[in-house]
Amino acid sequence: MNRRLALHEQLEEVLGSKNVYFQPPPTVRMKYPAIRYTLSTGDTIFADNIPYRFTKCYSVTIITPDPDNDLVDKMAMKFACCKLNRSFTSDNLNHYNFVLYF
């Protein structure tokens, strides 16, 4: 299975619904709570000046109207290489942004 599709399924497990969106265009109307994620960057490890391993890095944002939810904890515990980057509120929705290597 494609690694991104495997990530998508695991994010659906964290959220407990299908409201997971990969790089949604502005015309998509999201249902909340939701997870929105995009490919951010990558990390290449070299051995003998040759790329040995490449890991994609995603920017994952949990968006929810409930400021006291357990999704942040679920996200942090589900993935080994995941870190809460920042949080903010916009349009009465709470955004929790993670950096995730997967």
C-alpha atoms as a PDB file:
ATOM      1  CA  MET A   1       0.000   0.000   0.000  1.00  0.00           C
ATOM      2  CA  ASN A   2       1.102   3.544  -0.710  1.00  0.00           C
ATOM      3  CA  ARG A   3       2.701   5.112   2.403  1.00  0.00           C
ATOM      4  CA  ARG A   4       0.538   8.224   2.176  1.00  0.00           C
ATOM      5  CA  LEU A   5      -2.635   6.138   2.015  1.00  0.00           C
ATOM      6  CA  ALA A   6      -1.445   4.189   5.063  1.00  0.00           C
ATOM      7  CA  LEU A   7      -0.904   7.508   6.850  1.00  0.00           C
ATOM      8  CA  HIS A   8      -4.378   8.641   5.780  1.00  0.00           C
ATOM      9  CA  GLU A   9      -5.956   5.524   7.334  1.00  0.00           C
ATOM     10  CA  GLN A  10      -4.039   6.010  10.574  1.00  0.00           C
ATOM     11  CA  LEU A  11      -5.137   9.634  10.777  1.00  0.00           C
ATOM     12  CA  GLU A  12      -8.737   8.496  10.330  1.00  0.00           C
ATOM     13  CA  GLU A  13      -8.198   6.153  13.303  1.00  0.00           C
ATOM     14  CA  VAL A  14      -6.902   9.036  15.443  1.00  0.00           C
ATOM     15  CA  LEU A  15      -9.868  11.231  14.501  1.00  0.00           C
ATOM     16  CA  GLY A  16     -12.462   8.471  14.640  1.00  0.00           C
ATOM     17  CA  SER A  17     -14.098   9.627  11.396  1.00  0.00           C
ATOM     18  CA  LYS A  18     -13.477  10.100   7.672  1.00  0.00           C
ATOM     19  CA  ASN A  19     -13.002  13.887   7.980  1.00  0.00           C
ATOM     20  CA  VAL A  20      -9.335  13.646   6.954  1.00  0.00           C
ATOM     21  CA  TYR A  21      -8.217  15.786   4.016  1.00  0.00           C
ATOM     22  CA  PHE A  22      -4.949  15.649   2.053  1.00  0.00           C
ATOM     23  CA  GLN A  23      -4.027  19.005   0.490  1.00  0.00           C
ATOM     24  CA  PRO A  24      -7.680  20.029   0.030  1.00  0.00           C
ATOM     25  CA  PRO A  25      -8.416  22.735  -2.542  1.00  0.00           C
ATOM     26  CA  PRO A  26     -10.135  25.909  -1.268  1.00  0.00           C
ATOM     27  CA  THR A  27     -13.449  24.746  -2.745  1.00  0.00           C
ATOM     28  CA  VAL A  28     -13.687  21.754  -0.371  1.00  0.00           C
ATOM     29  CA  ARG A  29     -15.935  22.415   2.612  1.00  0.00           C
ATOM     30  CA  MET A  30     -14.493  20.542   5.580  1.00  0.00           C
ATOM     31  CA  LYS A  31     -16.585  19.010   8.348  1.00  0.00           C
ATOM     32  CA  TYR A  32     -15.264  19.443  11.890  1.00  0.00           C
ATOM     33  CA  PRO A  33     -13.537  18.030  13.800  1.00  0.00           C
ATOM     34  CA  ALA A  34     -11.120  17.389  10.952  1.00  0.00           C
ATOM     35  CA  ILE A  35      -7.513  16.644  10.130  1.00  0.00           C
ATOM     36  CA  ARG A  36      -5.857  18.455   7.246  1.00  0.00           C
ATOM     37  CA  TYR A  37      -2.392  17.408   6.141  1.00  0.00           C
ATOM     38  CA  THR A  38       0.086  18.379   3.443  1.00  0.00           C
ATOM     39  CA  LEU A  39       3.490  17.185   2.346  1.00  0.00           C
ATOM     40  CA  SER A  40       5.906  19.630   3.893  1.00  0.00           C
ATOM     41  CA  THR A  41       9.490  18.531   3.350  1.00  0.00           C
ATOM     42  CA  GLY A  42      11.669  15.461   3.661  1.00  0.00           C
ATOM     43  CA  ASP A  43      14.774  14.163   5.353  1.00  0.00           C
ATOM     44  CA  THR A  44      17.480  12.310   3.433  1.00  0.00           C
ATOM     45  CA  ILE A  45      20.131  10.262   5.200  1.00  0.00           C
ATOM     46  CA  PHE A  46      23.304   9.688   3.228  1.00  0.00           C
ATOM     47  CA  ALA A  47      25.845   6.864   3.390  1.00  0.00           C
ATOM     48  CA  ASP A  48      29.037   7.050   1.321  1.00  0.00           C
ATOM     49  CA  ASN A  49      27.681  10.210  -0.343  1.00  0.00           C
ATOM     50  CA  ILE A  50      24.689   8.270  -1.689  1.00  0.00           C
ATOM     51  CA  PRO A  51      21.096   8.714  -0.495  1.00  0.00           C
ATOM     52  CA  TYR A  52      20.467   5.836   1.890  1.00  0.00           C
ATOM     53  CA  ARG A  53      17.015   6.644   3.258  1.00  0.00           C
ATOM     54  CA  PHE A  54      14.406   9.319   2.597  1.00  0.00           C
ATOM     55  CA  THR A  55      11.556  10.096   4.990  1.00  0.00           C
ATOM     56  CA  LYS A  56       8.705  12.407   4.036  1.00  0.00           C
ATOM     57  CA  CYS A  57       7.636  15.088   6.468  1.00  0.00           C
ATOM     58  CA  TYR A  58       3.996  16.148   6.692  1.00  0.00           C
ATOM     59  CA  SER A  59       2.359  19.160   8.253  1.00  0.00           C
ATOM     60  CA  VAL A  60      -0.712  17.795  10.043  1.00  0.00           C
ATOM     61  CA  THR A  61      -3.352  20.105  11.501  1.00  0.00           C
ATOM     62  CA  ILE A  62      -6.163  19.001  13.774  1.00  0.00           C
ATOM     63  CA  ILE A  63      -9.055  21.466  13.511  1.00  0.00           C
ATOM     64  CA  THR A  64     -11.819  21.303  16.099  1.00  0.00           C
ATOM     65  CA  PRO A  65     -14.341  23.628  17.745  1.00  0.00           C
ATOM     66  CA  ASP A  66     -13.672  21.928  21.123  1.00  0.00           C
ATOM     67  CA  PRO A  67     -10.583  23.345  22.892  1.00  0.00           C
ATOM     68  CA  ASP A  68     -10.623  20.516  25.480  1.00  0.00           C
ATOM     69  CA  ASN A  69     -10.380  17.481  23.219  1.00  0.00           C
ATOM     70  CA  ASP A  70      -8.161  14.417  23.474  1.00  0.00           C
ATOM     71  CA  LEU A  71      -7.104  14.438  19.811  1.00  0.00           C
ATOM     72  CA  VAL A  72      -3.790  16.167  20.561  1.00  0.00           C
ATOM     73  CA  ASP A  73      -2.828  13.411  22.996  1.00  0.00           C
ATOM     74  CA  LYS A  74      -4.000  10.681  20.609  1.00  0.00           C
ATOM     75  CA  MET A  75      -1.951  12.160  17.783  1.00  0.00           C
ATOM     76  CA  ALA A  76       1.196  12.492  19.880  1.00  0.00           C
ATOM     77  CA  MET A  77       0.921   8.923  21.180  1.00  0.00           C
ATOM     78  CA  LYS A  78       0.013   7.293  17.833  1.00  0.00           C
ATOM     79  CA  PHE A  79       3.133   8.291  15.883  1.00  0.00           C
ATOM     80  CA  ALA A  80       6.753   7.863  16.964  1.00  0.00           C
ATOM     81  CA  CYS A  81       8.128  10.809  14.967  1.00  0.00           C
ATOM     82  CA  CYS A  82       5.462  13.391  15.705  1.00  0.00           C
ATOM     83  CA  LYS A  83       5.778  16.718  17.497  1.00  0.00           C
ATOM     84  CA  LEU A  84       3.247  19.430  18.305  1.00  0.00           C
ATOM     85  CA  ASN A  85       4.582  22.490  16.522  1.00  0.00           C
ATOM     86  CA  ARG A  86       2.077  25.203  17.474  1.00  0.00           C
ATOM     87  CA  SER A  87      -1.567  25.877  18.216  1.00  0.00           C
ATOM     88  CA  PHE A  88      -3.832  28.797  17.423  1.00  0.00           C
ATOM     89  CA  THR A  89      -7.493  29.764  17.168  1.00  0.00           C
ATOM     90  CA  SER A  90      -9.079  31.117  13.998  1.00  0.00           C
ATOM     91  CA  ASP A  91     -12.776  31.614  13.177  1.00  0.00           C
ATOM     92  CA  ASN A  92     -13.733  30.031  16.510  1.00  0.00           C
ATOM     93  CA  LEU A  93     -11.874  26.822  15.564  1.00  0.00           C
ATOM     94  CA  ASN A  94      -8.861  25.479  17.420  1.00  0.00           C
ATOM     95  CA  HIS A  95      -5.926  24.462  15.217  1.00  0.00           C
ATOM     96  CA  TYR A  96      -3.170  22.143  16.460  1.00  0.00           C
ATOM     97  CA  ASN A  97      -0.285  21.828  14.008  1.00  0.00           C
ATOM     98  CA  PHE A  98       2.074  18.843  14.132  1.00  0.00           C
ATOM     99  CA  VAL A  99       5.286  17.977  12.305  1.00  0.00           C
ATOM    100  CA  LEU A 100       5.115  14.291  11.369  1.00  0.00           C
ATOM    101  CA  TYR A 101       7.829  12.156   9.749  1.00  0.00           C
ATOM    102  CA  PHE A 102       6.222   9.130   8.147  1.00  0.00           C
END
